[in-house]
């Protein structure tokens, strides 16, 4: 895994800071090669069809969704409805890390 990706972990919440989706919260559900994050929001993007995003284009938060990390690590498919309920609940409490 590339140096840039070492700063991220599965289940971590990130905020998009570039592109059409600026300000949208996503959960990291995996890594694509050496230079891309696989992100899910439960609405348009889920684990089976994640958004591919350059890590330079997201802002890390200190929030980690343990349920998502456990689901991904166990190989279970994440319930779309549950992810849709988790992210909006976290939106107001996100602590953005300095990058």
C-alpha atoms as a PDB file:
ATOM      1  CA  UNK A   1       0.000   0.000   0.000  1.00  0.00           C
ATOM      2  CA  UNK A   2       1.282   3.481  -0.820  1.00  0.00           C
ATOM      3  CA  UNK A   3       2.449   5.926   1.847  1.00  0.00           C
ATOM      4  CA  UNK A   4      -0.601   8.116   1.361  1.00  0.00           C
ATOM      5  CA  UNK A   5      -3.012   5.237   1.919  1.00  0.00           C
ATOM      6  CA  UNK A   6      -1.316   4.279   5.201  1.00  0.00           C
ATOM      7  CA  UNK A   7      -3.087   7.248   6.832  1.00  0.00           C
ATOM      8  CA  UNK A   8      -6.502   5.641   6.233  1.00  0.00           C
ATOM      9  CA  UNK A   9      -8.270   2.533   7.524  1.00  0.00           C
ATOM     10  CA  UNK A  10     -11.391   0.575   6.660  1.00  0.00           C
ATOM     11  CA  UNK A  11     -14.425   2.016   8.427  1.00  0.00           C
ATOM     12  CA  UNK A  12     -12.987   5.528   8.672  1.00  0.00           C
ATOM     13  CA  UNK A  13     -15.282   8.385   7.681  1.00  0.00           C
ATOM     14  CA  UNK A  14     -13.897  10.856   5.149  1.00  0.00           C
ATOM     15  CA  UNK A  15     -15.278  14.044   3.586  1.00  0.00           C
ATOM     16  CA  UNK A  16     -14.878  14.760  -0.113  1.00  0.00           C
ATOM     17  CA  UNK A  17     -13.026  18.000  -0.796  1.00  0.00           C
ATOM     18  CA  UNK A  18     -12.803  17.783  -4.613  1.00  0.00           C
ATOM     19  CA  UNK A  19     -15.231  16.968  -7.416  1.00  0.00           C
ATOM     20  CA  UNK A  20     -19.014  17.107  -7.778  1.00  0.00           C
ATOM     21  CA  UNK A  21     -19.479  15.558  -4.347  1.00  0.00           C
ATOM     22  CA  UNK A  22     -17.693  18.229  -2.253  1.00  0.00           C
ATOM     23  CA  UNK A  23     -18.745  18.025   1.387  1.00  0.00           C
ATOM     24  CA  UNK A  24     -20.273  14.535   1.132  1.00  0.00           C
ATOM     25  CA  UNK A  25     -19.371  12.014   3.836  1.00  0.00           C
ATOM     26  CA  UNK A  26     -18.228   8.516   2.865  1.00  0.00           C
ATOM     27  CA  UNK A  27     -16.977   5.466   4.722  1.00  0.00           C
ATOM     28  CA  UNK A  28     -13.823   3.714   3.520  1.00  0.00           C
ATOM     29  CA  UNK A  29     -14.732   0.145   2.565  1.00  0.00           C
ATOM     30  CA  UNK A  30     -11.438  -0.847   0.949  1.00  0.00           C
ATOM     31  CA  UNK A  31      -8.419   0.138  -1.095  1.00  0.00           C
ATOM     32  CA  UNK A  32      -8.017  -0.099  -4.860  1.00  0.00           C
ATOM     33  CA  UNK A  33      -4.433  -0.688  -5.881  1.00  0.00           C
ATOM     34  CA  UNK A  34      -1.739   1.618  -4.574  1.00  0.00           C
ATOM     35  CA  UNK A  35      -3.505   4.945  -5.017  1.00  0.00           C
ATOM     36  CA  UNK A  36      -7.304   4.807  -4.676  1.00  0.00           C
ATOM     37  CA  UNK A  37      -9.824   4.537  -1.867  1.00  0.00           C
ATOM     38  CA  UNK A  38     -13.052   2.543  -2.203  1.00  0.00           C
ATOM     39  CA  UNK A  39     -15.808   4.625  -0.605  1.00  0.00           C
ATOM     40  CA  UNK A  40     -19.460   3.979   0.195  1.00  0.00           C
ATOM     41  CA  UNK A  41     -22.279   6.280   1.233  1.00  0.00           C
ATOM     42  CA  UNK A  42     -25.138   3.781   1.263  1.00  0.00           C
ATOM     43  CA  UNK A  43     -27.152   5.734  -1.290  1.00  0.00           C
ATOM     44  CA  UNK A  44     -25.400   5.885  -4.634  1.00  0.00           C
ATOM     45  CA  UNK A  45     -22.296   3.896  -3.690  1.00  0.00           C
ATOM     46  CA  UNK A  46     -22.190   0.679  -1.674  1.00  0.00           C
ATOM     47  CA  UNK A  47     -19.597  -2.022  -1.003  1.00  0.00           C
ATOM     48  CA  UNK A  48     -20.473  -3.956  -4.126  1.00  0.00           C
ATOM     49  CA  UNK A  49     -20.128  -0.777  -6.237  1.00  0.00           C
ATOM     50  CA  UNK A  50     -17.882   1.698  -4.362  1.00  0.00           C
ATOM     51  CA  UNK A  51     -16.804   5.149  -5.438  1.00  0.00           C
ATOM     52  CA  UNK A  52     -13.141   5.291  -6.427  1.00  0.00           C
ATOM     53  CA  UNK A  53     -11.463   8.393  -5.053  1.00  0.00           C
ATOM     54  CA  UNK A  54      -7.917   9.705  -4.863  1.00  0.00           C
ATOM     55  CA  UNK A  55      -6.905  10.036  -1.186  1.00  0.00           C
ATOM     56  CA  UNK A  56      -5.630  13.550  -1.905  1.00  0.00           C
ATOM     57  CA  UNK A  57      -9.224  14.540  -2.644  1.00  0.00           C
ATOM     58  CA  UNK A  58     -10.715  13.591   0.726  1.00  0.00           C
ATOM     59  CA  UNK A  59     -10.371  14.989   4.230  1.00  0.00           C
ATOM     60  CA  UNK A  60      -9.881  12.378   6.932  1.00  0.00           C
ATOM     61  CA  UNK A  61     -11.905  12.492  10.122  1.00  0.00           C
ATOM     62  CA  UNK A  62     -11.174  10.833  13.425  1.00  0.00           C
ATOM     63  CA  UNK A  63     -14.521   9.006  13.257  1.00  0.00           C
ATOM     64  CA  UNK A  64     -14.383   5.262  12.570  1.00  0.00           C
ATOM     65  CA  UNK A  65     -17.558   3.221  12.114  1.00  0.00           C
ATOM     66  CA  UNK A  66     -16.672  -0.036  13.851  1.00  0.00           C
ATOM     67  CA  UNK A  67     -19.704  -1.890  12.431  1.00  0.00           C
ATOM     68  CA  UNK A  68     -18.606  -1.145   8.869  1.00  0.00           C
ATOM     69  CA  UNK A  69     -15.027  -2.231   9.556  1.00  0.00           C
ATOM     70  CA  UNK A  70     -16.269  -5.487  11.098  1.00  0.00           C
ATOM     71  CA  UNK A  71     -18.654  -6.163   8.181  1.00  0.00           C
ATOM     72  CA  UNK A  72     -15.957  -5.571   5.575  1.00  0.00           C
ATOM     73  CA  UNK A  73     -13.322  -7.621   7.390  1.00  0.00           C
ATOM     74  CA  UNK A  74     -15.740 -10.542   7.816  1.00  0.00           C
ATOM     75  CA  UNK A  75     -16.695 -10.394   4.127  1.00  0.00           C
ATOM     76  CA  UNK A  76     -20.363  -9.632   4.815  1.00  0.00           C
ATOM     77  CA  UNK A  77     -22.251  -7.300   2.545  1.00  0.00           C
ATOM     78  CA  UNK A  78     -23.104  -4.059   4.302  1.00  0.00           C
ATOM     79  CA  UNK A  79     -26.800  -3.343   4.637  1.00  0.00           C
ATOM     80  CA  UNK A  80     -27.489  -0.259   2.531  1.00  0.00           C
ATOM     81  CA  UNK A  81     -30.208   0.994   4.870  1.00  0.00           C
ATOM     82  CA  UNK A  82     -27.953   0.757   7.909  1.00  0.00           C
ATOM     83  CA  UNK A  83     -25.213   2.747   6.175  1.00  0.00           C
ATOM     84  CA  UNK A  84     -27.788   5.380   5.161  1.00  0.00           C
ATOM     85  CA  UNK A  85     -28.770   5.717   8.839  1.00  0.00           C
ATOM     86  CA  UNK A  86     -25.207   5.802  10.191  1.00  0.00           C
ATOM     87  CA  UNK A  87     -23.678   8.557   8.050  1.00  0.00           C
ATOM     88  CA  UNK A  88     -26.261  11.334   8.565  1.00  0.00           C
ATOM     89  CA  UNK A  89     -26.164  10.664  12.304  1.00  0.00           C
ATOM     90  CA  UNK A  90     -22.383  11.224  12.278  1.00  0.00           C
ATOM     91  CA  UNK A  91     -22.398  14.275   9.994  1.00  0.00           C
ATOM     92  CA  UNK A  92     -22.744  16.839  12.799  1.00  0.00           C
ATOM     93  CA  UNK A  93     -20.173  15.171  15.043  1.00  0.00           C
ATOM     94  CA  UNK A  94     -17.331  14.679  12.555  1.00  0.00           C
ATOM     95  CA  UNK A  95     -13.950  15.775  13.841  1.00  0.00           C
ATOM     96  CA  UNK A  96     -11.863  16.658  10.791  1.00  0.00           C
ATOM     97  CA  UNK A  97      -8.174  15.778  11.067  1.00  0.00           C
ATOM     98  CA  UNK A  98      -5.522  18.195   9.895  1.00  0.00           C
ATOM     99  CA  UNK A  99      -3.788  16.785   6.857  1.00  0.00           C
END
